[in-house]
Amino acid sequence: RMKITILKDSIPYSTDITIKDKTYQFEFIFNSYDRRVYINLYDIDGGLIYANEPIMFGIPLWFNKVVDEKANFNHNFPEVYIIPNTIDRTIKKITFDNINEVELIVED
């Protein structure tokens, strides 16, 4: 089980993250309109896989894109569930203001 920490003071920023022997680039961006943080997902060569995925408490990133109705993973995406959670495990709307209290939990 891996945890990804979001560096609030560095947003916007990109970081390479290796999941199951495949490296992706996560770009964390701030949307001032709704005060939320979004992720752009790229492959290792900088090819965009998915843009503007919101970070929402308890809902796996790319949830409706990662797995099909037969539970087969889409091989363009990380083949895991990446679930945003708060460090203290309390439910809250995730915004830029509290993004430093959030970790992304990678579950196989």
Protein backbone atom coordinates (compact mmCIF):
# COMPACT_ATOMS: atom_id res chain seq x y z
CA ARG A 1 0.00 0.00 0.00
CA MET A 2 1.42 3.30 -1.10
CA LYS A 3 0.44 6.85 -0.17
CA ILE A 4 0.90 9.92 -2.33
CA THR A 5 1.24 13.22 -0.49
CA ILE A 6 0.13 16.42 -2.21
CA LEU A 7 2.47 19.38 -1.77
CA LYS A 8 0.06 22.29 -1.34
CA ASP A 9 2.73 24.98 -1.43
CA SER A 10 4.05 23.64 -4.77
CA ILE A 11 0.73 23.63 -6.67
CA PRO A 12 0.75 23.80 -9.66
CA TYR A 13 3.40 21.10 -10.09
CA SER A 14 4.08 17.80 -11.79
CA THR A 15 5.63 14.68 -10.32
CA ASP A 16 6.50 11.25 -11.66
CA ILE A 17 4.84 8.38 -9.81
CA THR A 18 5.60 4.72 -10.46
CA ILE A 19 2.71 2.32 -9.92
CA LYS A 20 3.08 -1.37 -10.69
CA ASP A 21 6.31 -0.86 -12.66
CA LYS A 22 4.77 1.83 -14.88
CA THR A 23 5.60 5.52 -14.44
CA TYR A 24 3.01 8.24 -14.85
CA GLN A 25 3.18 11.99 -14.52
CA PHE A 26 0.66 13.57 -12.17
CA GLU A 27 0.12 17.29 -12.63
CA PHE A 28 -1.65 18.94 -9.69
CA ILE A 29 -3.49 22.13 -10.66
CA PHE A 30 -5.67 24.63 -8.80
CA ASN A 31 -9.02 25.82 -10.14
CA SER A 32 -9.78 29.19 -8.60
CA TYR A 33 -13.43 29.04 -9.71
CA ASP A 34 -14.38 26.17 -7.36
CA ARG A 35 -11.22 26.34 -5.16
CA ARG A 36 -10.43 22.70 -5.84
CA VAL A 37 -7.37 20.77 -6.89
CA TYR A 38 -7.46 18.68 -10.06
CA ILE A 39 -5.07 16.16 -11.57
CA ASN A 40 -3.95 15.90 -15.17
CA LEU A 41 -2.58 12.41 -15.87
CA TYR A 42 0.16 11.87 -18.44
CA ASP A 43 2.16 8.88 -19.57
CA ILE A 44 5.93 8.92 -19.10
CA ASP A 45 6.40 10.51 -22.54
CA GLY A 46 4.12 13.44 -21.67
CA GLY A 47 1.10 12.15 -23.58
CA LEU A 48 -2.13 13.28 -21.93
CA ILE A 49 -4.21 10.36 -20.64
CA TYR A 50 -6.89 12.33 -18.80
CA ALA A 51 -7.36 16.01 -17.92
CA ASN A 52 -8.98 17.76 -14.97
CA GLU A 53 -9.82 14.87 -12.64
CA PRO A 54 -11.19 16.39 -9.41
CA ILE A 55 -9.85 15.13 -6.09
CA MET A 56 -12.96 14.12 -4.13
CA PHE A 57 -13.06 12.43 -0.74
CA GLY A 58 -13.42 8.63 -0.96
CA ILE A 59 -14.00 8.47 -4.71
CA PRO A 60 -11.18 6.71 -6.60
CA LEU A 61 -9.46 8.86 -9.20
CA TRP A 62 -10.71 8.16 -12.74
CA PHE A 63 -13.29 5.81 -11.20
CA ASN A 64 -15.53 5.63 -14.27
CA LYS A 65 -12.54 5.30 -16.63
CA VAL A 66 -10.18 2.86 -14.89
CA VAL A 67 -12.40 -0.24 -14.88
CA ASP A 68 -15.11 -1.45 -17.25
CA GLU A 69 -18.38 -3.14 -16.26
CA LYS A 70 -16.57 -6.52 -16.12
CA ALA A 71 -13.87 -5.18 -13.76
CA ASN A 72 -11.18 -5.14 -16.46
CA PHE A 73 -8.62 -2.37 -16.01
CA ASN A 74 -8.06 0.16 -18.78
CA HIS A 75 -4.32 -0.23 -19.42
CA ASN A 76 -3.84 3.48 -20.17
CA PHE A 77 -4.52 4.28 -16.51
CA PRO A 78 -2.72 3.07 -13.37
CA GLU A 79 -4.11 -0.42 -12.74
CA VAL A 80 -4.99 0.30 -9.12
CA TYR A 81 -7.52 2.33 -7.21
CA ILE A 82 -6.17 5.67 -5.99
CA ILE A 83 -8.49 6.87 -3.26
CA PRO A 84 -8.32 10.39 -1.80
CA ASN A 85 -8.64 10.36 1.97
CA THR A 86 -7.95 12.79 4.78
CA ILE A 87 -5.06 12.03 7.09
CA ASP A 88 -7.42 12.02 10.10
CA ARG A 89 -9.99 9.94 8.13
CA THR A 90 -12.80 12.48 8.57
CA ILE A 91 -15.15 13.11 5.67
CA LYS A 92 -14.90 16.58 4.22
CA LYS A 93 -15.10 18.39 0.93
CA ILE A 94 -11.57 18.53 -0.39
CA THR A 95 -10.56 22.03 -1.45
CA PHE A 96 -7.29 23.87 -1.97
CA ASP A 97 -7.58 25.16 1.60
CA ASN A 98 -7.37 21.67 3.13
CA ILE A 99 -5.45 19.79 0.40
CA ASN A 100 -2.47 19.52 2.75
CA GLU A 101 -4.67 17.27 4.97
CA VAL A 102 -5.22 14.83 2.09
CA GLU A 103 -3.31 11.76 0.97
CA LEU A 104 -3.93 9.60 -2.05
CA ILE A 105 -4.01 5.94 -1.01
CA VAL A 106 -2.99 3.48 -3.71
CA GLU A 107 -4.80 0.14 -3.38
CA ASP A 108 -4.03 -2.91 -5.52
